[in-house]
Structures are given as C-alpha cells and as structure tokens.
Amino acid sequence: MLKHTDDGMDERRPLKAKGLKVIDYINTLYGTFDGSAIWEIDKSSFEVLKMCDGMRTVDQIAHEIARKINMNVEDVKPILKDILDELEKLKFIEYVSS
C-alpha cells in the first residue's frame, strides 16, 4: 500500500466502505452498515466521505477541499488526516491500491 512519500505527498487512495449506508434524518446524518449500530456523521466528514472513491489520493482530496473553501492546502491536511483517521477507525473507509 502506498503511504506518505519523502516529499510529503500522501498517495493513499481512500474508498468508502461498500456496505455503508448514510441516512439523512431530520437534517442529521447517520452512518450504518446493517441498522444494528448507527453513528452520527458531521457535515465535514460527510463531504470528505463523498470524495473517497478509491480514485483520488489523500493529497488530491486535500487540494480539492482547499480550493473549495479557499484555504491553504497545508492547513487543510492535518484536519483531513484527523477526519480520515476517524473514518478508517469506524471502518467507513479503507485504503486501496491504485
């Protein structure tokens, strides 16, 4: 699996878990796999999750977010890392090979 390179680039490709369902209930987002457990998903995490298509690298996602919110990409990267770490911990994403 590709990871961080010496030049600071992150070439990992996050992919949303196949069985994950995101439900919008009264303007609150929830994630579940089979309905037996649910997790609330904040709007920022949901926007990141939508970009986890297995095609974009973490770096590409960071650049896209930075462009959308008019922020420096280096300021976006640590926030994105925290979000991706949490999504991975919940098994909402996995990293795939290119």
Protein backbone atom coordinates (compact mmCIF):
# COMPACT_ATOMS: atom_id res chain seq x y z
CA MET A 1 0.00 0.00 0.00
CA LEU A 2 1.27 3.48 -0.82
CA LYS A 3 1.77 5.84 2.07
CA HIS A 4 3.41 9.17 2.68
CA THR A 5 6.36 9.85 0.41
CA ASP A 6 9.52 11.70 1.31
CA ASP A 7 8.23 14.87 -0.37
CA GLY A 8 5.22 14.99 1.98
CA MET A 9 2.73 13.70 -0.60
CA ASP A 10 0.12 11.21 0.54
CA GLU A 11 -0.68 8.84 -2.31
CA ARG A 12 -3.07 6.59 -0.40
CA ARG A 13 -6.50 6.25 -2.02
CA PRO A 14 -9.41 6.10 0.44
CA LEU A 15 -12.55 4.22 -0.61
CA LYS A 16 -15.93 4.38 1.12
CA ALA A 17 -16.88 1.00 2.58
CA LYS A 18 -19.23 -0.92 0.29
CA GLY A 19 -21.89 -1.74 2.89
CA LEU A 20 -22.01 1.72 4.43
CA LYS A 21 -25.34 3.50 4.25
CA VAL A 22 -25.63 7.20 5.07
CA ILE A 23 -29.07 8.31 6.24
CA ASP A 24 -30.28 11.91 6.46
CA TYR A 25 -32.85 12.08 9.24
CA ILE A 26 -34.19 15.50 10.23
CA ASN A 27 -31.07 17.27 8.93
CA THR A 28 -28.72 14.98 10.83
CA LEU A 29 -26.55 12.43 9.02
CA TYR A 30 -26.04 8.91 10.33
CA GLY A 31 -23.89 6.04 9.09
CA THR A 32 -24.78 2.38 9.47
CA PHE A 33 -23.90 -0.94 7.95
CA ASP A 34 -26.93 -3.02 8.89
CA GLY A 35 -29.01 -0.83 11.20
CA SER A 36 -27.85 -2.59 14.37
CA ALA A 37 -25.47 0.30 15.18
CA ILE A 38 -25.51 3.88 13.96
CA TRP A 39 -23.01 6.71 14.15
CA GLU A 40 -23.71 10.40 13.68
CA ILE A 41 -21.67 11.92 10.85
CA ASP A 42 -20.89 15.64 10.85
CA LYS A 43 -21.23 17.59 7.59
CA SER A 44 -17.44 17.98 7.11
CA SER A 45 -16.83 14.26 7.47
CA PHE A 46 -19.69 13.53 5.06
CA GLU A 47 -18.18 15.86 2.44
CA VAL A 48 -14.84 14.05 2.80
CA LEU A 49 -16.56 10.66 2.68
CA LYS A 50 -18.21 11.58 -0.63
CA MET A 51 -14.73 12.14 -2.12
CA CYS A 52 -13.46 8.72 -1.00
CA ASP A 53 -13.97 6.99 -4.34
CA GLY A 54 -10.75 4.95 -4.46
CA MET A 55 -9.55 7.07 -7.38
CA ARG A 56 -8.49 10.28 -5.62
CA THR A 57 -5.41 10.30 -3.41
CA VAL A 58 -5.44 11.92 0.01
CA ASP A 59 -3.36 14.74 -1.47
CA GLN A 60 -5.86 15.28 -4.28
CA ILE A 61 -8.72 15.40 -1.77
CA ALA A 62 -6.79 17.93 0.34
CA HIS A 63 -6.20 20.14 -2.71
CA GLU A 64 -9.85 19.92 -3.75
CA ILE A 65 -11.07 20.87 -0.27
CA ALA A 66 -8.55 23.74 -0.03
CA ARG A 67 -9.74 25.10 -3.36
CA LYS A 68 -13.44 24.81 -2.40
CA ILE A 69 -13.05 26.60 0.93
CA ASN A 70 -10.30 28.99 -0.19
CA MET A 71 -7.77 27.76 2.36
CA ASN A 72 -4.08 26.85 2.21
CA VAL A 73 -3.69 23.13 1.46
CA GLU A 74 -1.09 22.76 4.22
CA ASP A 75 -3.69 23.97 6.72
CA VAL A 76 -6.27 21.50 5.35
CA LYS A 77 -4.03 18.40 5.52
CA PRO A 78 -3.95 17.91 9.33
CA ILE A 79 -7.72 18.38 9.60
CA LEU A 80 -8.27 15.97 6.70
CA LYS A 81 -5.91 13.44 8.31
CA ASP A 82 -7.95 13.54 11.54
CA ILE A 83 -11.21 13.02 9.62
CA LEU A 84 -9.78 10.15 7.55
CA ASP A 85 -8.29 8.52 10.66
CA GLU A 86 -11.71 8.58 12.34
CA LEU A 87 -13.48 7.27 9.22
CA GLU A 88 -10.94 4.46 8.98
CA LYS A 89 -11.31 3.62 12.68
CA LEU A 90 -15.09 3.29 12.18
CA LYS A 91 -14.42 1.16 9.05
CA PHE A 92 -16.29 3.72 6.93
CA ILE A 93 -13.30 3.82 4.56
CA GLU A 94 -10.41 1.61 3.57
CA TYR A 95 -7.32 2.40 1.53
CA VAL A 96 -6.96 0.71 -1.85
CA SER A 97 -4.07 0.23 -4.25
CA SER A 98 -4.14 2.19 -7.50
